[in-house]
Amino acid sequence: MTKTILSMAKATTAVCALVFAAGSALAQEYPDRPISMVVPWAAGGGTDVVARIVAAGLEEQLDATVNVVNRTGGGGVVGHSAIADAKPDGYTIGFITAEINMMHHLGMTDLDHGSYKLIAMINGEPAGVHVRADSEYQNMQELLDAIAAGDERMTSSGTAAGGVYHLALGGMLMEAGLAPDAVIWVPSQGAAPALQELVADATDFVMTQLPEAQSIVDAGQARTLAVMASERLPGFEDVPTLQEATGLDFTMSGMRALAVPADTPDDIVAQLTEAAATLVESDSFRERMEQGGYGIHYLNGQDLTALLDTRDAQMGEIIQALGLSR
């Protein structure tokens, strides 16, 4: 009788072990359903375009559907909050932008880059200065001279108040010896609506990345005066750097990176990190980015953290100069 009971107990233990092992294996099969990629900016802008290229590439790497979800509003707070506050199970990932180093300085949110586990920086395009095709300003120096003259206070747009392109403008004006708020900033939900306002003659110039404005430049509706980079960009060799055009030694670029909620398990983070590293080396991804005019600027999570630590201090200084610090 005792042997029978022992045999039954051993059999039960063995079955439980098999069930547990099977359950653990199933739990580790990530991903086994569609993933949402939250983008904090409007559809049609550069961040949205790059995010969709990345999503398509991740689908190939992870063998799972990756759906882009635009969560706009609050100058980027809505989307960035949706990423940080999502269930940390790997099924909501995000495409955070340079504004994550700015919003907390502005008193808009407590979020900063430490609110996430950073997977990888994918892209970081420098800011460009764009005017309508019929603008009276033929080059960047003429535009700066007009701003300095102050006969009529100009307007500019490109992102939310305190966003990366607003700071690019403020930093450029400070480098030129002008007040950082010498130009009125008109907030927008991203590059696409800002460029539409430019074409509609609602602003004098727009600060966005060169690829974001390329379609209206090609259509003869706008011209690019300069780019805030240390050298001319591949594919845009006819656009001078800000230093070439004006002598101002000032650069500023955006940042687009994959991130997940801070409590996401390390094994899922490792899988996403591997997928991102493989993605940026794939021919299909590189071709898609090149077709869109977007450069690939890859940093792993550790190196990206170091970069954003430095940027956070830089952005804070410009925000304070603009009188936007809270």
C-alpha atoms as a PDB file:
ATOM      1  CA  MET A   1       0.000   0.000   0.000  1.00  0.00           C
ATOM      2  CA  THR A   2       2.829   2.329   0.950  1.00  0.00           C
ATOM      3  CA  LYS A   3       4.670   1.551  -2.287  1.00  0.00           C
ATOM      4  CA  THR A   4       1.512   2.319  -4.250  1.00  0.00           C
ATOM      5  CA  ILE A   5       1.099   5.683  -2.561  1.00  0.00           C
ATOM      6  CA  LEU A   6       4.753   6.517  -3.152  1.00  0.00           C
ATOM      7  CA  SER A   7       4.465   5.531  -6.789  1.00  0.00           C
ATOM      8  CA  MET A   8       1.367   7.713  -7.203  1.00  0.00           C
ATOM      9  CA  ALA A   9       3.114  10.646  -5.520  1.00  0.00           C
ATOM     10  CA  LYS A  10       6.137  10.295  -7.782  1.00  0.00           C
ATOM     11  CA  ALA A  11       3.894  10.109 -10.836  1.00  0.00           C
ATOM     12  CA  THR A  12       1.969  13.185  -9.736  1.00  0.00           C
ATOM     13  CA  THR A  13       5.218  15.088  -9.116  1.00  0.00           C
ATOM     14  CA  ALA A  14       6.502  14.109 -12.528  1.00  0.00           C
ATOM     15  CA  VAL A  15       3.295  15.262 -14.224  1.00  0.00           C
ATOM     16  CA  CYS A  16       3.368  18.583 -12.339  1.00  0.00           C
ATOM     17  CA  ALA A  17       6.988  19.094 -13.328  1.00  0.00           C
ATOM     18  CA  LEU A  18       6.116  18.494 -16.966  1.00  0.00           C
ATOM     19  CA  VAL A  19       3.158  20.879 -16.788  1.00  0.00           C
ATOM     20  CA  PHE A  20       5.284  23.538 -15.077  1.00  0.00           C
ATOM     21  CA  ALA A  21       8.052  23.133 -17.627  1.00  0.00           C
ATOM     22  CA  ALA A  22       5.580  23.394 -20.482  1.00  0.00           C
ATOM     23  CA  GLY A  23       3.989  26.469 -18.905  1.00  0.00           C
ATOM     24  CA  SER A  24       7.383  28.093 -18.395  1.00  0.00           C
ATOM     25  CA  ALA A  25       8.319  27.408 -22.010  1.00  0.00           C
ATOM     26  CA  LEU A  26       5.082  28.959 -23.214  1.00  0.00           C
ATOM     27  CA  ALA A  27       5.633  31.987 -20.957  1.00  0.00           C
ATOM     28  CA  GLN A  28       9.043  32.481 -22.498  1.00  0.00           C
ATOM     29  CA  GLU A  29       7.730  32.467 -26.056  1.00  0.00           C
ATOM     30  CA  TYR A  30       7.851  36.212 -26.632  1.00  0.00           C
ATOM     31  CA  PRO A  31       6.249  37.600 -28.637  1.00  0.00           C
ATOM     32  CA  ASP A  32       3.199  35.435 -29.204  1.00  0.00           C
ATOM     33  CA  ARG A  33       0.775  38.237 -30.127  1.00  0.00           C
ATOM     34  CA  PRO A  34       0.864  41.684 -31.785  1.00  0.00           C
ATOM     35  CA  ILE A  35       3.020  44.452 -30.313  1.00  0.00           C
ATOM     36  CA  SER A  36       1.999  48.119 -30.150  1.00  0.00           C
ATOM     37  CA  MET A  37       4.616  50.787 -30.829  1.00  0.00           C
ATOM     38  CA  VAL A  38       3.549  54.127 -29.349  1.00  0.00           C
ATOM     39  CA  VAL A  39       4.704  57.242 -31.213  1.00  0.00           C
ATOM     40  CA  PRO A  40       4.209  60.549 -29.328  1.00  0.00           C
ATOM     41  CA  TRP A  41       3.925  62.657 -32.486  1.00  0.00           C
ATOM     42  CA  ALA A  42       1.538  63.074 -35.395  1.00  0.00           C
ATOM     43  CA  ALA A  43       1.251  60.759 -38.380  1.00  0.00           C
ATOM     44  CA  GLY A  44       3.188  61.929 -41.414  1.00  0.00           C
ATOM     45  CA  GLY A  45       6.048  63.587 -39.541  1.00  0.00           C
ATOM     46  CA  GLY A  46       9.601  62.316 -39.525  1.00  0.00           C
ATOM     47  CA  THR A  47       9.276  60.462 -36.221  1.00  0.00           C
ATOM     48  CA  ASP A  48       6.186  58.669 -37.479  1.00  0.00           C
ATOM     49  CA  VAL A  49       7.853  57.760 -40.789  1.00  0.00           C
ATOM     50  CA  VAL A  50      10.988  56.376 -39.121  1.00  0.00           C
ATOM     51  CA  ALA A  51       8.881  54.541 -36.533  1.00  0.00           C
ATOM     52  CA  ARG A  52       6.955  52.768 -39.287  1.00  0.00           C
ATOM     53  CA  ILE A  53      10.202  51.740 -40.985  1.00  0.00           C
ATOM     54  CA  VAL A  54      11.467  50.411 -37.652  1.00  0.00           C
ATOM     55  CA  ALA A  55       8.163  48.632 -36.973  1.00  0.00           C
ATOM     56  CA  ALA A  56       8.332  46.872 -40.328  1.00  0.00           C
ATOM     57  CA  GLY A  57      11.885  45.788 -39.580  1.00  0.00           C
ATOM     58  CA  LEU A  58      11.005  44.552 -36.097  1.00  0.00           C
ATOM     59  CA  GLU A  59       8.213  42.473 -37.579  1.00  0.00           C
ATOM     60  CA  GLU A  60      10.852  40.642 -39.605  1.00  0.00           C
ATOM     61  CA  GLN A  61      13.181  40.235 -36.617  1.00  0.00           C
ATOM     62  CA  LEU A  62      10.551  39.189 -34.056  1.00  0.00           C
ATOM     63  CA  ASP A  63       8.175  37.342 -36.385  1.00  0.00           C
ATOM     64  CA  ALA A  64       5.254  39.299 -34.932  1.00  0.00           C
ATOM     65  CA  THR A  65       2.963  42.120 -35.995  1.00  0.00           C
ATOM     66  CA  VAL A  66       4.075  45.565 -34.761  1.00  0.00           C
ATOM     67  CA  ASN A  67       1.326  48.187 -34.928  1.00  0.00           C
ATOM     68  CA  VAL A  68       2.248  51.887 -34.802  1.00  0.00           C
ATOM     69  CA  VAL A  69      -0.078  53.898 -32.555  1.00  0.00           C
ATOM     70  CA  ASN A  70       0.154  57.708 -32.649  1.00  0.00           C
ATOM     71  CA  ARG A  71      -0.578  59.184 -29.209  1.00  0.00           C
ATOM     72  CA  THR A  72      -0.260  62.939 -29.645  1.00  0.00           C
ATOM     73  CA  GLY A  73      -0.990  65.794 -27.294  1.00  0.00           C
ATOM     74  CA  GLY A  74       0.482  67.689 -24.394  1.00  0.00           C
ATOM     75  CA  GLY A  75       3.640  68.574 -26.297  1.00  0.00           C
ATOM     76  CA  GLY A  76       4.687  64.935 -26.340  1.00  0.00           C
ATOM     77  CA  VAL A  77       3.638  64.169 -22.756  1.00  0.00           C
ATOM     78  CA  VAL A  78       0.648  62.024 -23.716  1.00  0.00           C
ATOM     79  CA  GLY A  79       2.620  59.600 -25.850  1.00  0.00           C
ATOM     80  CA  HIS A  80       5.693  59.442 -23.643  1.00  0.00           C
ATOM     81  CA  SER A  81       3.463  58.822 -20.612  1.00  0.00           C
ATOM     82  CA  ALA A  82       1.604  56.065 -22.449  1.00  0.00           C
ATOM     83  CA  ILE A  83       4.924  54.286 -22.999  1.00  0.00           C
ATOM     84  CA  ALA A  84       6.143  54.671 -19.416  1.00  0.00           C
ATOM     85  CA  ASP A  85       2.785  53.680 -17.912  1.00  0.00           C
ATOM     86  CA  ALA A  86       2.133  50.658 -20.152  1.00  0.00           C
ATOM     87  CA  LYS A  87       2.072  47.123 -18.799  1.00  0.00           C
ATOM     88  CA  PRO A  88       5.739  46.059 -18.698  1.00  0.00           C
ATOM     89  CA  ASP A  89       5.278  42.862 -20.672  1.00  0.00           C
ATOM     90  CA  GLY A  90       6.991  43.799 -23.937  1.00  0.00           C
ATOM     91  CA  TYR A  91       3.748  44.199 -25.843  1.00  0.00           C
ATOM     92  CA  THR A  92       3.815  47.995 -25.658  1.00  0.00           C
ATOM     93  CA  ILE A  93       7.077  49.505 -26.796  1.00  0.00           C
ATOM     94  CA  GLY A  94       7.750  53.132 -27.586  1.00  0.00           C
ATOM     95  CA  PHE A  95       9.588  55.454 -29.902  1.00  0.00           C
ATOM     96  CA  ILE A  96      10.788  58.184 -27.562  1.00  0.00           C
ATOM     97  CA  THR A  97      12.245  61.442 -28.846  1.00  0.00           C
ATOM     98  CA  ALA A  98      14.612  64.174 -27.671  1.00  0.00           C
ATOM     99  CA  GLU A  99      11.739  65.894 -25.868  1.00  0.00           C
ATOM    100  CA  ILE A 100      12.190  63.391 -23.039  1.00  0.00           C
ATOM    101  CA  ASN A 101      15.177  65.524 -21.965  1.00  0.00           C
ATOM    102  CA  MET A 102      13.069  68.663 -21.973  1.00  0.00           C
ATOM    103  CA  MET A 103       9.553  68.082 -20.704  1.00  0.00           C
ATOM    104  CA  HIS A 104      10.513  67.734 -17.042  1.00  0.00           C
ATOM    105  CA  HIS A 105      12.538  70.983 -17.200  1.00  0.00           C
ATOM    106  CA  LEU A 106       9.380  72.622 -18.513  1.00  0.00           C
ATOM    107  CA  GLY A 107       7.323  71.343 -15.585  1.00  0.00           C
ATOM    108  CA  MET A 108       5.093  69.349 -17.942  1.00  0.00           C
ATOM    109  CA  THR A 109       5.785  65.935 -16.406  1.00  0.00           C
ATOM    110  CA  ASP A 110       8.101  64.121 -14.021  1.00  0.00           C
ATOM    111  CA  LEU A 111       9.196  61.790 -16.814  1.00  0.00           C
ATOM    112  CA  ASP A 112      12.805  61.721 -17.964  1.00  0.00           C
ATOM    113  CA  HIS A 113      14.910  59.122 -19.760  1.00  0.00           C
ATOM    114  CA  GLY A 114      15.307  57.252 -16.483  1.00  0.00           C
ATOM    115  CA  SER A 115      11.591  56.442 -16.644  1.00  0.00           C
ATOM    116  CA  TYR A 116      12.289  53.736 -19.232  1.00  0.00           C
ATOM    117  CA  LYS A 117      14.583  50.904 -20.090  1.00  0.00           C
ATOM    118  CA  LEU A 118      16.337  52.159 -23.202  1.00  0.00           C
ATOM    119  CA  ILE A 119      16.675  49.639 -26.021  1.00  0.00           C
ATOM    120  CA  ALA A 120      18.541  51.576 -28.713  1.00  0.00           C
ATOM    121  CA  MET A 121      18.813  54.895 -30.493  1.00  0.00           C
ATOM    122  CA  ILE A 122      17.939  54.384 -34.135  1.00  0.00           C
ATOM    123  CA  ASN A 123      18.058  57.808 -35.687  1.00  0.00           C
ATOM    124  CA  GLY A 124      19.069  61.358 -34.799  1.00  0.00           C
ATOM    125  CA  GLU A 125      18.710  63.962 -37.524  1.00  0.00           C
ATOM    126  CA  PRO A 126      20.037  67.524 -37.145  1.00  0.00           C
ATOM    127  CA  ALA A 127      17.657  70.459 -37.318  1.00  0.00           C
ATOM    128  CA  GLY A 128      17.228  72.361 -40.562  1.00  0.00           C
ATOM    129  CA  VAL A 129      15.834  75.817 -41.274  1.00  0.00           C
ATOM    130  CA  HIS A 130      13.132  75.990 -43.965  1.00  0.00           C
ATOM    131  CA  VAL A 131      11.306  78.920 -45.569  1.00  0.00           C
ATOM    132  CA  ARG A 132       8.539  79.110 -48.159  1.00  0.00           C
ATOM    133  CA  ALA A 133       9.691  79.022 -51.744  1.00  0.00           C
ATOM    134  CA  ASP A 134       8.585  82.644 -52.223  1.00  0.00           C
ATOM    135  CA  SER A 135      10.301  83.891 -49.047  1.00  0.00           C
ATOM    136  CA  GLU A 136      12.330  87.073 -49.454  1.00  0.00           C
ATOM    137  CA  TYR A 137      15.220  85.445 -47.569  1.00  0.00           C
ATOM    138  CA  GLN A 138      17.548  83.744 -50.015  1.00  0.00           C
ATOM    139  CA  ASN A 139      20.053  82.440 -47.484  1.00  0.00           C
ATOM    140  CA  MET A 140      20.462  81.874 -43.746  1.00  0.00           C
ATOM    141  CA  GLN A 141      22.478  85.032 -43.143  1.00  0.00           C
ATOM    142  CA  GLU A 142      19.697  87.187 -44.597  1.00  0.00           C
ATOM    143  CA  LEU A 143      17.191  85.522 -42.283  1.00  0.00           C
ATOM    144  CA  LEU A 144      19.400  86.053 -39.234  1.00  0.00           C
ATOM    145  CA  ASP A 145      20.008  89.681 -40.204  1.00  0.00           C
ATOM    146  CA  ALA A 146      16.255  90.261 -40.436  1.00  0.00           C
ATOM    147  CA  ILE A 147      15.721  88.688 -37.011  1.00  0.00           C
ATOM    148  CA  ALA A 148      18.477  90.849 -35.544  1.00  0.00           C
ATOM    149  CA  ALA A 149      17.014  94.015 -37.118  1.00  0.00           C
ATOM    150  CA  GLY A 150      13.795  93.345 -35.246  1.00  0.00           C
ATOM    151  CA  ASP A 151      11.659  95.469 -37.565  1.00  0.00           C
ATOM    152  CA  GLU A 152       8.947  92.839 -37.261  1.00  0.00           C
ATOM    153  CA  ARG A 153       9.098  89.930 -34.845  1.00  0.00           C
ATOM    154  CA  MET A 154       9.101  86.698 -36.835  1.00  0.00           C
ATOM    155  CA  THR A 155       7.363  83.416 -36.104  1.00  0.00           C
ATOM    156  CA  SER A 156       8.659  79.863 -36.326  1.00  0.00           C
ATOM    157  CA  SER A 157       7.395  76.363 -35.597  1.00  0.00           C
ATOM    158  CA  GLY A 158       8.317  72.693 -35.837  1.00  0.00           C
ATOM    159  CA  THR A 159       7.350  71.032 -32.561  1.00  0.00           C
ATOM    160  CA  ALA A 160       5.871  71.745 -29.140  1.00  0.00           C
ATOM    161  CA  ALA A 161       7.001  74.670 -26.984  1.00  0.00           C
ATOM    162  CA  GLY A 162      10.260  73.620 -25.396  1.00  0.00           C
ATOM    163  CA  GLY A 163      10.700  70.819 -27.929  1.00  0.00           C
ATOM    164  CA  VAL A 164      13.997  70.014 -29.583  1.00  0.00           C
ATOM    165  CA  TYR A 165      13.520  72.350 -32.552  1.00  0.00           C
ATOM    166  CA  HIS A 166      12.352  75.178 -30.319  1.00  0.00           C
ATOM    167  CA  LEU A 167      15.594  74.724 -28.371  1.00  0.00           C
ATOM    168  CA  ALA A 168      17.534  74.509 -31.629  1.00  0.00           C
ATOM    169  CA  LEU A 169      16.166  77.928 -32.544  1.00  0.00           C
ATOM    170  CA  GLY A 170      16.842  79.368 -29.090  1.00  0.00           C
ATOM    171  CA  GLY A 171      20.370  77.988 -29.020  1.00  0.00           C
ATOM    172  CA  MET A 172      21.113  79.370 -32.477  1.00  0.00           C
ATOM    173  CA  LEU A 173      19.857  82.824 -31.513  1.00  0.00           C
ATOM    174  CA  MET A 174      21.939  82.788 -28.334  1.00  0.00           C
ATOM    175  CA  GLU A 175      25.022  81.806 -30.350  1.00  0.00           C
ATOM    176  CA  ALA A 176      24.296  84.782 -32.624  1.00  0.00           C
ATOM    177  CA  GLY A 177      24.192  87.112 -29.621  1.00  0.00           C
ATOM    178  CA  LEU A 178      20.422  87.551 -29.802  1.00  0.00           C
ATOM    179  CA  ALA A 179      17.726  86.932 -27.222  1.00  0.00           C
ATOM    180  CA  PRO A 180      16.662  83.267 -27.315  1.00  0.00           C
ATOM    181  CA  ASP A 181      13.038  84.392 -27.639  1.00  0.00           C
ATOM    182  CA  ALA A 182      13.681  86.959 -30.379  1.00  0.00           C
ATOM    183  CA  VAL A 183      11.437  84.829 -32.624  1.00  0.00           C
ATOM    184  CA  ILE A 184       7.897  83.893 -31.567  1.00  0.00           C
ATOM    185  CA  TRP A 185       7.564  80.104 -31.315  1.00  0.00           C
ATOM    186  CA  VAL A 186       4.244  78.669 -32.540  1.00  0.00           C
ATOM    187  CA  PRO A 187       3.753  75.230 -30.915  1.00  0.00           C
ATOM    188  CA  SER A 188       2.714  72.288 -33.095  1.00  0.00           C
ATOM    189  CA  GLN A 189       2.147  68.559 -32.701  1.00  0.00           C
ATOM    190  CA  GLY A 190       5.059  67.763 -34.988  1.00  0.00           C
ATOM    191  CA  ALA A 191       6.814  68.542 -38.237  1.00  0.00           C
ATOM    192  CA  ALA A 192       3.975  67.614 -40.593  1.00  0.00           C
ATOM    193  CA  PRO A 193       1.415  70.147 -39.253  1.00  0.00           C
ATOM    194  CA  ALA A 194       4.151  72.784 -38.838  1.00  0.00           C
ATOM    195  CA  LEU A 195       5.167  72.450 -42.497  1.00  0.00           C
ATOM    196  CA  GLN A 196       1.539  72.706 -43.548  1.00  0.00           C
ATOM    197  CA  GLU A 197       1.323  75.985 -41.619  1.00  0.00           C
ATOM    198  CA  LEU A 198       4.486  77.200 -43.356  1.00  0.00           C
ATOM    199  CA  VAL A 199       3.042  76.513 -46.799  1.00  0.00           C
ATOM    200  CA  ALA A 200      -0.170  78.260 -45.737  1.00  0.00           C
ATOM    201  CA  ASP A 201       1.886  81.395 -44.892  1.00  0.00           C
ATOM    202  CA  ALA A 202       1.050  81.119 -41.180  1.00  0.00           C
ATOM    203  CA  THR A 203       4.711  81.203 -40.057  1.00  0.00           C
ATOM    204  CA  ASP A 204       7.896  82.740 -41.413  1.00  0.00           C
ATOM    205  CA  PHE A 205      10.109  79.653 -41.161  1.00  0.00           C
ATOM    206  CA  VAL A 206      10.139  76.142 -39.738  1.00  0.00           C
ATOM    207  CA  MET A 207      12.764  74.196 -37.809  1.00  0.00           C
ATOM    208  CA  THR A 208      12.641  70.492 -38.707  1.00  0.00           C
ATOM    209  CA  GLN A 209      14.857  67.760 -40.055  1.00  0.00           C
ATOM    210  CA  LEU A 210      15.719  67.895 -43.742  1.00  0.00           C
ATOM    211  CA  PRO A 211      13.947  64.654 -44.715  1.00  0.00           C
ATOM    212  CA  GLU A 212      10.749  65.869 -43.068  1.00  0.00           C
ATOM    213  CA  ALA A 213      10.633  68.885 -45.383  1.00  0.00           C
ATOM    214  CA  GLN A 214      11.889  67.152 -48.498  1.00  0.00           C
ATOM    215  CA  SER A 215       8.481  66.497 -50.044  1.00  0.00           C
ATOM    216  CA  ILE A 216       7.438  70.170 -49.987  1.00  0.00           C
ATOM    217  CA  VAL A 217      10.917  71.221 -51.110  1.00  0.00           C
ATOM    218  CA  ASP A 218      10.668  68.825 -54.055  1.00  0.00           C
ATOM    219  CA  ALA A 219       7.199  70.194 -54.775  1.00  0.00           C
ATOM    220  CA  GLY A 220       8.631  73.697 -55.053  1.00  0.00           C
ATOM    221  CA  GLN A 221       6.765  74.950 -51.977  1.00  0.00           C
ATOM    222  CA  ALA A 222       9.725  75.473 -49.656  1.00  0.00           C
ATOM    223  CA  ARG A 223      13.505  75.983 -49.547  1.00  0.00           C
ATOM    224  CA  THR A 224      16.037  74.798 -46.981  1.00  0.00           C
ATOM    225  CA  LEU A 225      18.534  77.449 -45.891  1.00  0.00           C
ATOM    226  CA  ALA A 226      20.850  75.554 -43.554  1.00  0.00           C
ATOM    227  CA  VAL A 227      21.297  72.464 -41.400  1.00  0.00           C
ATOM    228  CA  MET A 228      22.580  72.449 -37.807  1.00  0.00           C
ATOM    229  CA  ALA A 229      25.198  69.755 -38.356  1.00  0.00           C
ATOM    230  CA  SER A 230      28.981  69.644 -38.244  1.00  0.00           C
ATOM    231  CA  GLU A 231      29.083  68.714 -41.932  1.00  0.00           C
ATOM    232  CA  ARG A 232      26.729  68.517 -44.905  1.00  0.00           C
ATOM    233  CA  LEU A 233      24.397  65.549 -44.908  1.00  0.00           C
ATOM    234  CA  PRO A 234      24.535  62.703 -47.460  1.00  0.00           C
ATOM    235  CA  GLY A 235      21.748  63.229 -49.967  1.00  0.00           C
ATOM    236  CA  PHE A 236      21.502  66.930 -49.067  1.00  0.00           C
ATOM    237  CA  GLU A 237      24.911  68.108 -50.237  1.00  0.00           C
ATOM    238  CA  ASP A 238      23.464  71.354 -51.592  1.00  0.00           C
ATOM    239  CA  VAL A 239      22.351  72.463 -48.104  1.00  0.00           C
ATOM    240  CA  PRO A 240      25.100  74.330 -46.212  1.00  0.00           C
ATOM    241  CA  THR A 241      25.740  73.831 -42.530  1.00  0.00           C
ATOM    242  CA  LEU A 242      24.815  76.675 -40.213  1.00  0.00           C
ATOM    243  CA  GLN A 243      28.512  77.416 -39.720  1.00  0.00           C
ATOM    244  CA  GLU A 244      29.131  77.573 -43.466  1.00  0.00           C
ATOM    245  CA  ALA A 245      26.133  79.849 -43.980  1.00  0.00           C
ATOM    246  CA  THR A 246      26.596  82.211 -41.034  1.00  0.00           C
ATOM    247  CA  GLY A 247      29.817  81.415 -39.188  1.00  0.00           C
ATOM    248  CA  LEU A 248      27.857  80.241 -36.109  1.00  0.00           C
ATOM    249  CA  ASP A 249      29.387  77.123 -34.567  1.00  0.00           C
ATOM    250  CA  PHE A 250      26.171  75.574 -33.251  1.00  0.00           C
ATOM    251  CA  THR A 251      24.686  72.136 -33.854  1.00  0.00           C
ATOM    252  CA  MET A 252      21.489  70.490 -32.624  1.00  0.00           C
ATOM    253  CA  SER A 253      19.854  67.205 -33.526  1.00  0.00           C
ATOM    254  CA  GLY A 254      16.795  65.218 -32.590  1.00  0.00           C
ATOM    255  CA  MET A 255      16.778  61.700 -31.187  1.00  0.00           C
ATOM    256  CA  ARG A 256      14.556  58.714 -31.908  1.00  0.00           C
ATOM    257  CA  ALA A 257      14.950  55.638 -29.792  1.00  0.00           C
ATOM    258  CA  LEU A 258      13.206  52.431 -28.819  1.00  0.00           C
ATOM    259  CA  ALA A 259      12.248  52.175 -25.150  1.00  0.00           C
ATOM    260  CA  VAL A 260      10.006  50.114 -22.888  1.00  0.00           C
ATOM    261  CA  PRO A 261       8.486  50.673 -19.424  1.00  0.00           C
ATOM    262  CA  ALA A 262      11.081  50.640 -16.648  1.00  0.00           C
ATOM    263  CA  ASP A 263       9.837  47.384 -15.086  1.00  0.00           C
ATOM    264  CA  THR A 264      10.010  45.340 -18.291  1.00  0.00           C
ATOM    265  CA  PRO A 265      11.770  41.997 -17.596  1.00  0.00           C
ATOM    266  CA  ASP A 266      15.424  41.822 -18.570  1.00  0.00           C
ATOM    267  CA  ASP A 267      14.931  38.818 -20.859  1.00  0.00           C
ATOM    268  CA  ILE A 268      12.431  40.745 -22.973  1.00  0.00           C
ATOM    269  CA  VAL A 269      14.719  43.790 -23.009  1.00  0.00           C
ATOM    270  CA  ALA A 270      17.572  41.549 -24.170  1.00  0.00           C
ATOM    271  CA  GLN A 271      15.451  40.123 -26.978  1.00  0.00           C
ATOM    272  CA  LEU A 272      14.375  43.572 -28.159  1.00  0.00           C
ATOM    273  CA  THR A 273      17.966  44.814 -27.911  1.00  0.00           C
ATOM    274  CA  GLU A 274      19.183  41.975 -30.095  1.00  0.00           C
ATOM    275  CA  ALA A 275      16.371  42.580 -32.589  1.00  0.00           C
ATOM    276  CA  ALA A 276      17.222  46.293 -32.821  1.00  0.00           C
ATOM    277  CA  ALA A 277      20.956  45.634 -33.279  1.00  0.00           C
ATOM    278  CA  THR A 278      20.254  43.124 -36.044  1.00  0.00           C
ATOM    279  CA  LEU A 279      17.651  45.405 -37.606  1.00  0.00           C
ATOM    280  CA  VAL A 280      19.994  48.353 -38.175  1.00  0.00           C
ATOM    281  CA  GLU A 281      22.419  46.093 -40.036  1.00  0.00           C
ATOM    282  CA  SER A 282      19.810  44.598 -42.364  1.00  0.00           C
ATOM    283  CA  ASP A 283      19.851  45.594 -46.029  1.00  0.00           C
ATOM    284  CA  SER A 284      16.072  46.015 -46.187  1.00  0.00           C
ATOM    285  CA  PHE A 285      16.053  48.467 -43.270  1.00  0.00           C
ATOM    286  CA  ARG A 286      18.976  50.462 -44.641  1.00  0.00           C
ATOM    287  CA  GLU A 287      17.305  50.687 -48.043  1.00  0.00           C
ATOM    288  CA  ARG A 288      14.041  51.944 -46.525  1.00  0.00           C
ATOM    289  CA  MET A 289      15.838  54.563 -44.456  1.00  0.00           C
ATOM    290  CA  GLU A 290      17.913  55.714 -47.424  1.00  0.00           C
ATOM    291  CA  GLN A 291      14.824  55.985 -49.615  1.00  0.00           C
ATOM    292  CA  GLY A 292      13.264  58.277 -47.024  1.00  0.00           C
ATOM    293  CA  GLY A 293      16.431  60.342 -46.699  1.00  0.00           C
ATOM    294  CA  TYR A 294      16.945  59.327 -43.057  1.00  0.00           C
ATOM    295  CA  GLY A 295      20.330  58.492 -41.591  1.00  0.00           C
ATOM    296  CA  ILE A 296      20.963  55.602 -39.212  1.00  0.00           C
ATOM    297  CA  HIS A 297      22.543  56.666 -35.922  1.00  0.00           C
ATOM    298  CA  TYR A 298      22.654  53.611 -33.672  1.00  0.00           C
ATOM    299  CA  LEU A 299      23.555  53.544 -29.980  1.00  0.00           C
ATOM    300  CA  ASN A 300      22.881  50.667 -27.608  1.00  0.00           C
ATOM    301  CA  GLY A 301      20.976  51.298 -24.387  1.00  0.00           C
ATOM    302  CA  GLN A 302      24.050  51.929 -22.251  1.00  0.00           C
ATOM    303  CA  ASP A 303      25.643  54.419 -24.643  1.00  0.00           C
ATOM    304  CA  LEU A 304      22.302  56.120 -25.206  1.00  0.00           C
ATOM    305  CA  THR A 305      21.875  56.595 -21.454  1.00  0.00           C
ATOM    306  CA  ALA A 306      25.271  58.337 -21.288  1.00  0.00           C
ATOM    307  CA  LEU A 307      24.327  60.620 -24.208  1.00  0.00           C
ATOM    308  CA  LEU A 308      20.990  61.577 -22.668  1.00  0.00           C
ATOM    309  CA  ASP A 309      22.610  62.295 -19.308  1.00  0.00           C
ATOM    310  CA  THR A 310      24.741  64.942 -21.072  1.00  0.00           C
ATOM    311  CA  ARG A 311      21.916  66.277 -23.202  1.00  0.00           C
ATOM    312  CA  ASP A 312      19.638  66.677 -20.210  1.00  0.00           C
ATOM    313  CA  ALA A 313      21.985  69.272 -18.728  1.00  0.00           C
ATOM    314  CA  GLN A 314      22.431  71.075 -22.077  1.00  0.00           C
ATOM    315  CA  MET A 315      18.704  71.255 -22.738  1.00  0.00           C
ATOM    316  CA  GLY A 316      18.054  72.465 -19.219  1.00  0.00           C
ATOM    317  CA  GLU A 317      20.389  75.428 -19.742  1.00  0.00           C
ATOM    318  CA  ILE A 318      18.655  76.550 -22.952  1.00  0.00           C
ATOM    319  CA  ILE A 319      15.205  76.089 -21.443  1.00  0.00           C
ATOM    320  CA  GLN A 320      16.225  78.259 -18.502  1.00  0.00           C
ATOM    321  CA  ALA A 321      17.548  80.926 -20.891  1.00  0.00           C
ATOM    322  CA  LEU A 322      14.216  80.864 -22.716  1.00  0.00           C
ATOM    323  CA  GLY A 323      12.447  81.471 -19.426  1.00  0.00           C
ATOM    324  CA  LEU A 324      10.524  78.214 -19.749  1.00  0.00           C
ATOM    325  CA  SER A 325      12.008  76.362 -16.780  1.00  0.00           C
ATOM    326  CA  ARG A 326       9.502  75.321 -14.122  1.00  0.00           C
END
